[in-house]
PDB file of N, CA and C in Angstrom:
ATOM      1  N   MET A   1     -77.930 115.707  79.575  1.00  0.00           N
ATOM      2  CA  MET A   1     -77.318 114.773  78.650  1.00  0.00           C
ATOM      3  C   MET A   1     -77.300 113.393  79.307  1.00  0.00           C
ATOM      4  N   ASN A   2     -77.834 112.393  78.607  1.00  0.00           N
ATOM      5  CA  ASN A   2     -77.824 111.039  79.161  1.00  0.00           C
ATOM      6  C   ASN A   2     -76.544 110.309  78.752  1.00  0.00           C
ATOM      7  N   ALA A   3     -76.371 109.103  79.265  1.00  0.00           N
ATOM      8  CA  ALA A   3     -75.132 108.350  79.042  1.00  0.00           C
ATOM      9  C   ALA A   3     -74.890 108.082  77.553  1.00  0.00           C
ATOM     10  N   VAL A   4     -75.937 107.740  76.817  1.00  0.00           N
ATOM     11  CA  VAL A   4     -75.780 107.458  75.390  1.00  0.00           C
ATOM     12  C   VAL A   4     -75.291 108.705  74.658  1.00  0.00           C
ATOM     13  N   GLU A   5     -75.881 109.845  74.967  1.00  0.00           N
ATOM     14  CA  GLU A   5     -75.453 111.091  74.326  1.00  0.00           C
ATOM     15  C   GLU A   5     -74.007 111.414  74.686  1.00  0.00           C
ATOM     16  N   MET A   6     -73.637 111.159  75.941  1.00  0.00           N
ATOM     17  CA  MET A   6     -72.258 111.410  76.352  1.00  0.00           C
ATOM     18  C   MET A   6     -71.284 110.538  75.574  1.00  0.00           C
ATOM     19  N   LEU A   7     -71.621 109.262  75.450  1.00  0.00           N
ATOM     20  CA  LEU A   7     -70.724 108.338  74.764  1.00  0.00           C
ATOM     21  C   LEU A   7     -70.649 108.603  73.265  1.00  0.00           C
ATOM     22  N   GLN A   8     -71.685 109.219  72.716  1.00  0.00           N
ATOM     23  CA  GLN A   8     -71.661 109.538  71.289  1.00  0.00           C
ATOM     24  C   GLN A   8     -70.658 110.646  70.977  1.00  0.00           C
ATOM     25  N   THR A   9     -70.194 111.358  71.983  1.00  0.00           N
ATOM     26  CA  THR A   9     -69.191 112.398  71.759  1.00  0.00           C
ATOM     27  C   THR A   9     -67.774 111.827  71.749  1.00  0.00           C
ATOM     28  N   ALA A  10     -67.635 110.542  72.031  1.00  0.00           N
ATOM     29  CA  ALA A  10     -66.316 109.907  72.082  1.00  0.00           C
ATOM     30  C   ALA A  10     -65.657 109.907  70.712  1.00  0.00           C
ATOM     31  N   GLU A  11     -64.343 110.063  70.736  1.00  0.00           N
ATOM     32  CA  GLU A  11     -63.541 109.963  69.521  1.00  0.00           C
ATOM     33  C   GLU A  11     -62.573 108.808  69.719  1.00  0.00           C
ATOM     34  N   PHE A  12     -62.344 108.046  68.650  1.00  0.00           N
ATOM     35  CA  PHE A  12     -61.456 106.897  68.747  1.00  0.00           C
ATOM     36  C   PHE A  12     -60.088 107.223  68.167  1.00  0.00           C
ATOM     37  N   VAL A  13     -59.080 106.726  68.836  1.00  0.00           N
ATOM     38  CA  VAL A  13     -57.713 106.799  68.328  1.00  0.00           C
ATOM     39  C   VAL A  13     -57.439 105.446  67.689  1.00  0.00           C
ATOM     40  N   VAL A  14     -56.978 105.443  66.449  1.00  0.00           N
ATOM     41  CA  VAL A  14     -56.736 104.190  65.742  1.00  0.00           C
ATOM     42  C   VAL A  14     -55.261 104.058  65.386  1.00  0.00           C
ATOM     43  N   ASP A  15     -54.832 102.803  65.227  1.00  0.00           N
ATOM     44  CA  ASP A  15     -53.454 102.559  64.809  1.00  0.00           C
ATOM     45  C   ASP A  15     -53.367 102.618  63.281  1.00  0.00           C
ATOM     46  N   ALA A  16     -52.212 102.315  62.737  1.00  0.00           N
ATOM     47  CA  ALA A  16     -51.993 102.403  61.296  1.00  0.00           C
ATOM     48  C   ALA A  16     -52.906 101.473  60.503  1.00  0.00           C
ATOM     49  N   ARG A  17     -53.383 100.419  61.134  1.00  0.00           N
ATOM     50  CA  ARG A  17     -54.279  99.466  60.463  1.00  0.00           C
ATOM     51  C   ARG A  17     -55.753  99.821  60.632  1.00  0.00           C
ATOM     52  N   GLY A  18     -56.021 100.874  61.365  1.00  0.00           N
ATOM     53  CA  GLY A  18     -57.398 101.294  61.588  1.00  0.00           C
ATOM     54  C   GLY A  18     -58.068 100.640  62.783  1.00  0.00           C
ATOM     55  N   ASN A  19     -57.291  99.906  63.589  1.00  0.00           N
ATOM     56  CA  ASN A  19     -57.836  99.274  64.786  1.00  0.00           C
ATOM     57  C   ASN A  19     -57.968 100.297  65.906  1.00  0.00           C
ATOM     58  N   LYS A  20     -59.102 100.296  66.562  1.00  0.00           N
ATOM     59  CA  LYS A  20     -59.326 101.218  67.671  1.00  0.00           C
ATOM     60  C   LYS A  20     -58.382 100.869  68.816  1.00  0.00           C
ATOM     61  N   ARG A  21     -57.669 101.871  69.324  1.00  0.00           N
ATOM     62  CA  ARG A  21     -56.707 101.656  70.397  1.00  0.00           C
ATOM     63  C   ARG A  21     -57.026 102.449  71.659  1.00  0.00           C
ATOM     64  N   ALA A  22     -57.769 103.528  71.545  1.00  0.00           N
ATOM     65  CA  ALA A  22     -58.078 104.362  72.704  1.00  0.00           C
ATOM     66  C   ALA A  22     -59.328 105.180  72.392  1.00  0.00           C
ATOM     67  N   VAL A  23     -59.883 105.733  73.453  1.00  0.00           N
ATOM     68  CA  VAL A  23     -61.075 106.573  73.325  1.00  0.00           C
ATOM     69  C   VAL A  23     -60.775 107.914  73.962  1.00  0.00           C
ATOM     70  N   LEU A  24     -61.166 108.970  73.287  1.00  0.00           N
ATOM     71  CA  LEU A  24     -61.010 110.318  73.821  1.00  0.00           C
ATOM     72  C   LEU A  24     -62.383 110.884  74.157  1.00  0.00           C
ATOM     73  N   LEU A  25     -62.481 111.436  75.363  1.00  0.00           N
ATOM     74  CA  LEU A  25     -63.694 112.132  75.780  1.00  0.00           C
ATOM     75  C   LEU A  25     -63.302 113.507  76.273  1.00  0.00           C
ATOM     76  N   ASP A  26     -64.156 114.473  76.008  1.00  0.00           N
ATOM     77  CA  ASP A  26     -63.966 115.788  76.589  1.00  0.00           C
ATOM     78  C   ASP A  26     -63.970 115.634  78.104  1.00  0.00           C
ATOM     79  N   TYR A  27     -63.102 116.361  78.794  1.00  0.00           N
ATOM     80  CA  TYR A  27     -62.974 116.195  80.238  1.00  0.00           C
ATOM     81  C   TYR A  27     -64.291 116.463  80.967  1.00  0.00           C
ATOM     82  N   GLN A  28     -65.044 117.462  80.539  1.00  0.00           N
ATOM     83  CA  GLN A  28     -66.329 117.765  81.187  1.00  0.00           C
ATOM     84  C   GLN A  28     -67.323 116.625  80.975  1.00  0.00           C
ATOM     85  N   VAL A  29     -67.307 116.022  79.797  1.00  0.00           N
ATOM     86  CA  VAL A  29     -68.179 114.869  79.533  1.00  0.00           C
ATOM     87  C   VAL A  29     -67.756 113.718  80.430  1.00  0.00           C
ATOM     88  N   TRP A  30     -66.450 113.495  80.579  1.00  0.00           N
ATOM     89  CA  TRP A  30     -65.930 112.434  81.439  1.00  0.00           C
ATOM     90  C   TRP A  30     -66.417 112.624  82.872  1.00  0.00           C
ATOM     91  N   GLU A  31     -66.321 113.847  83.395  1.00  0.00           N
ATOM     92  CA  GLU A  31     -66.778 114.118  84.765  1.00  0.00           C
ATOM     93  C   GLU A  31     -68.275 113.861  84.903  1.00  0.00           C
ATOM     94  N   LYS A  32     -69.061 114.283  83.927  1.00  0.00           N
ATOM     95  CA  LYS A  32     -70.504 114.053  83.972  1.00  0.00           C
ATOM     96  C   LYS A  32     -70.823 112.559  83.917  1.00  0.00           C
ATOM     97  N   LEU A  33     -70.096 111.834  83.082  1.00  0.00           N
ATOM     98  CA  LEU A  33     -70.301 110.397  82.972  1.00  0.00           C
ATOM     99  C   LEU A  33     -69.966 109.698  84.285  1.00  0.00           C
ATOM    100  N   LEU A  34     -68.869 110.087  84.912  1.00  0.00           N
ATOM    101  CA  LEU A  34     -68.509 109.509  86.206  1.00  0.00           C
ATOM    102  C   LEU A  34     -69.572 109.802  87.260  1.00  0.00           C
ATOM    103  N   ALA A  35     -70.056 111.036  87.292  1.00  0.00           N
ATOM    104  CA  ALA A  35     -71.089 111.406  88.258  1.00  0.00           C
ATOM    105  C   ALA A  35     -72.356 110.581  88.031  1.00  0.00           C
ATOM    106  N   LEU A  36     -72.721 110.391  86.769  1.00  0.00           N
ATOM    107  CA  LEU A  36     -73.904 109.594  86.440  1.00  0.00           C
ATOM    108  C   LEU A  36     -73.728 108.152  86.907  1.00  0.00           C
ATOM    109  N   LEU A  37     -72.567 107.569  86.655  1.00  0.00           N
ATOM    110  CA  LEU A  37     -72.306 106.196  87.083  1.00  0.00           C
ATOM    111  C   LEU A  37     -72.309 106.076  88.601  1.00  0.00           C
ATOM    112  N   GLU A  38     -71.756 107.065  89.285  1.00  0.00           N
ATOM    113  CA  GLU A  38     -71.768 107.048  90.753  1.00  0.00           C
ATOM    114  C   GLU A  38     -73.192 107.148  91.280  1.00  0.00           C
ATOM    115  N   ASP A  39     -74.012 107.986  90.638  1.00  0.00           N
ATOM    116  CA  ASP A  39     -75.416 108.103  91.044  1.00  0.00           C
ATOM    117  C   ASP A  39     -76.151 106.777  90.853  1.00  0.00           C
ATOM    118  N   TRP A  40     -75.910 106.098  89.746  1.00  0.00           N
ATOM    119  CA  TRP A  40     -76.540 104.799  89.502  1.00  0.00           C
ATOM    120  C   TRP A  40     -76.109 103.798  90.569  1.00  0.00           C
ATOM    121  N   GLU A  41     -74.813 103.815  90.887  1.00  0.00           N
ATOM    122  CA  GLU A  41     -74.288 102.905  91.903  1.00  0.00           C
ATOM    123  C   GLU A  41     -74.924 103.192  93.261  1.00  0.00           C
ATOM    124  N   ASP A  42     -75.033 104.475  93.612  1.00  0.00           N
ATOM    125  CA  ASP A  42     -75.659 104.852  94.875  1.00  0.00           C
ATOM    126  C   ASP A  42     -77.119 104.419  94.912  1.00  0.00           C
ATOM    127  N   ALA A  43     -77.822 104.612  93.802  1.00  0.00           N
ATOM    128  CA  ALA A  43     -79.230 104.237  93.740  1.00  0.00           C
ATOM    129  C   ALA A  43     -79.394 102.727  93.912  1.00  0.00           C
ATOM    130  N   GLU A  44     -78.499 101.954  93.304  1.00  0.00           N
ATOM    131  CA  GLU A  44     -78.561 100.499  93.440  1.00  0.00           C
ATOM    132  C   GLU A  44     -78.308 100.089  94.891  1.00  0.00           C
ATOM    133  N   GLU A  45     -77.360 100.724  95.538  1.00  0.00           N
ATOM    134  CA  GLU A  45     -77.065 100.416  96.939  1.00  0.00           C
ATOM    135  C   GLU A  45     -78.261 100.762  97.829  1.00  0.00           C
ATOM    136  N   ILE A  46     -78.911 101.882  97.578  1.00  0.00           N
ATOM    137  CA  ILE A  46     -80.087 102.275  98.356  1.00  0.00           C
ATOM    138  C   ILE A  46     -81.208 101.253  98.161  1.00  0.00           C
ATOM    139  N   ARG A  47     -81.422 100.820  96.901  1.00  0.00           N
ATOM    140  CA  ARG A  47     -82.454  99.796  96.642  1.00  0.00           C
ATOM    141  C   ARG A  47     -82.131  98.506  97.392  1.00  0.00           C
ATOM    142  N   ARG A  48     -80.876  98.093  97.358  1.00  0.00           N
ATOM    143  CA  ARG A  48     -80.459  96.862  98.034  1.00  0.00           C
ATOM    144  C   ARG A  48     -80.701  96.973  99.536  1.00  0.00           C
ATOM    145  N   LEU A  49     -80.347  98.115 100.124  1.00  0.00           N
ATOM    146  CA  LEU A  49     -80.553  98.310 101.559  1.00  0.00           C
ATOM    147  C   LEU A  49     -82.027  98.305 101.922  1.00  0.00           C
ATOM    148  N   ARG A  50     -82.847  98.951 101.102  1.00  0.00           N
ATOM    149  CA  ARG A  50     -84.287  98.975 101.367  1.00  0.00           C
ATOM    150  C   ARG A  50     -84.878  97.577 101.306  1.00  0.00           C
ATOM    151  N   GLU A  51     -84.461  96.792 100.319  1.00  0.00           N
ATOM    152  CA  GLU A  51     -84.953  95.423 100.199  1.00  0.00           C
ATOM    153  C   GLU A  51     -84.545  94.579 101.394  1.00  0.00           C
ATOM    154  N   ALA A  52     -83.397  94.895 101.990  1.00  0.00           N
ATOM    155  CA  ALA A  52     -82.915  94.158 103.162  1.00  0.00           C
ATOM    156  C   ALA A  52     -83.528  94.704 104.450  1.00  0.00           C
ATOM    157  N   GLY A  53     -84.388  95.733 104.324  1.00  0.00           N
ATOM    158  CA  GLY A  53     -85.036  96.303 105.494  1.00  0.00           C
ATOM    159  C   GLY A  53     -84.174  97.289 106.258  1.00  0.00           C
ATOM    160  N   GLU A  54     -83.064  97.700 105.657  1.00  0.00           N
ATOM    161  CA  GLU A  54     -82.171  98.661 106.306  1.00  0.00           C
ATOM    162  C   GLU A  54     -82.676 100.082 106.072  1.00  0.00           C
ATOM    163  N   GLU A  55     -82.383 100.933 107.021  1.00  0.00           N
ATOM    164  CA  GLU A  55     -82.701 102.348 106.852  1.00  0.00           C
ATOM    165  C   GLU A  55     -81.680 102.945 105.905  1.00  0.00           C
ATOM    166  N   SER A  56     -82.124 103.769 104.978  1.00  0.00           N
ATOM    167  CA  SER A  56     -81.190 104.445 104.082  1.00  0.00           C
ATOM    168  C   SER A  56     -81.411 105.946 104.175  1.00  0.00           C
ATOM    169  N   VAL A  57     -80.319 106.665 103.992  1.00  0.00           N
ATOM    170  CA  VAL A  57     -80.331 108.118 104.069  1.00  0.00           C
ATOM    171  C   VAL A  57     -79.846 108.647 102.727  1.00  0.00           C
ATOM    172  N   PRO A  58     -80.477 109.684 102.174  1.00  0.00           N
ATOM    173  CA  PRO A  58     -79.989 110.249 100.918  1.00  0.00           C
ATOM    174  C   PRO A  58     -78.521 110.656 101.046  1.00  0.00           C
ATOM    175  N   TRP A  59     -77.754 110.445  99.977  1.00  0.00           N
ATOM    176  CA  TRP A  59     -76.315 110.699 100.005  1.00  0.00           C
ATOM    177  C   TRP A  59     -75.998 112.135 100.411  1.00  0.00           C
ATOM    178  N   GLU A  60     -76.725 113.100  99.923  1.00  0.00           N
ATOM    179  CA  GLU A  60     -76.459 114.498 100.279  1.00  0.00           C
ATOM    180  C   GLU A  60     -76.613 114.712 101.782  1.00  0.00           C
ATOM    181  N   GLN A  61     -77.621 114.100 102.360  1.00  0.00           N
ATOM    182  CA  GLN A  61     -77.823 114.202 103.806  1.00  0.00           C
ATOM    183  C   GLN A  61     -76.691 113.497 104.551  1.00  0.00           C
ATOM    184  N   ALA A  62     -76.318 112.319 104.067  1.00  0.00           N
ATOM    185  CA  ALA A  62     -75.229 111.569 104.708  1.00  0.00           C
ATOM    186  C   ALA A  62     -73.916 112.351 104.643  1.00  0.00           C
ATOM    187  N   LYS A  63     -73.631 112.987 103.488  1.00  0.00           N
ATOM    188  CA  LYS A  63     -72.405 113.789 103.363  1.00  0.00           C
ATOM    189  C   LYS A  63     -72.410 114.938 104.362  1.00  0.00           C
ATOM    190  N   ALA A  64     -73.560 115.607 104.490  1.00  0.00           N
ATOM    191  CA  ALA A  64     -73.654 116.725 105.427  1.00  0.00           C
ATOM    192  C   ALA A  64     -73.402 116.256 106.856  1.00  0.00           C
ATOM    193  N   GLU A  65     -73.967 115.100 107.215  1.00  0.00           N
ATOM    194  CA  GLU A  65     -73.766 114.563 108.564  1.00  0.00           C
ATOM    195  C   GLU A  65     -72.309 114.170 108.790  1.00  0.00           C
ATOM    196  N   LEU A  66     -71.686 113.556 107.786  1.00  0.00           N
ATOM    197  CA  LEU A  66     -70.282 113.166 107.914  1.00  0.00           C
ATOM    198  C   LEU A  66     -69.377 114.391 108.045  1.00  0.00           C
ATOM    199  N   ARG A  67     -69.662 115.414 107.256  1.00  0.00           N
ATOM    200  CA  ARG A  67     -68.862 116.643 107.348  1.00  0.00           C
ATOM    201  C   ARG A  67     -69.016 117.281 108.722  1.00  0.00           C
ATOM    202  N   ALA A  68     -70.227 117.225 109.272  1.00  0.00           N
ATOM    203  CA  ALA A  68     -70.470 117.791 110.617  1.00  0.00           C
ATOM    204  C   ALA A  68     -69.662 117.038 111.668  1.00  0.00           C
ATOM    205  N   GLU A  69     -69.377 115.761 111.392  1.00  0.00           N
ATOM    206  CA  GLU A  69     -68.568 114.945 112.303  1.00  0.00           C
ATOM    207  C   GLU A  69     -67.075 115.111 112.044  1.00  0.00           C
ATOM    208  N   GLY A  70     -66.740 115.933 111.031  1.00  0.00           N
ATOM    209  CA  GLY A  70     -65.335 116.173 110.737  1.00  0.00           C
ATOM    210  C   GLY A  70     -64.721 115.224 109.731  1.00  0.00           C
ATOM    211  N   VAL A  71     -65.541 114.409 109.071  1.00  0.00           N
ATOM    212  CA  VAL A  71     -65.037 113.480 108.062  1.00  0.00           C
ATOM    213  C   VAL A  71     -64.961 114.207 106.730  1.00  0.00           C
ATOM    214  N   ASP A  72     -63.845 114.063 106.039  1.00  0.00           N
ATOM    215  CA  ASP A  72     -63.651 114.722 104.740  1.00  0.00           C
ATOM    216  C   ASP A  72     -64.253 113.865 103.644  1.00  0.00           C
ATOM    217  N   VAL A  73     -65.386 114.319 103.049  1.00  0.00           N
ATOM    218  CA  VAL A  73     -66.025 113.602 101.942  1.00  0.00           C
ATOM    219  C   VAL A  73     -66.183 114.508 100.758  1.00  0.00           C
TER     220      VAL A  73
END
């Protein structure tokens, strides 16, 4: 499911005048949307580091290394 499909599942809460006041998302959709946004953010950071000539490590590898060092991630 892509971001557009996820957002299409949103339901709006409206006031007595019909003005949108809040958005409801299924909790599982919310978690998937957050994960997708975090992945996009990570990808942008990796691109930025590569353009700056920095070495980058895939997040899964970095998490494994941090956990091996005793860091809670």
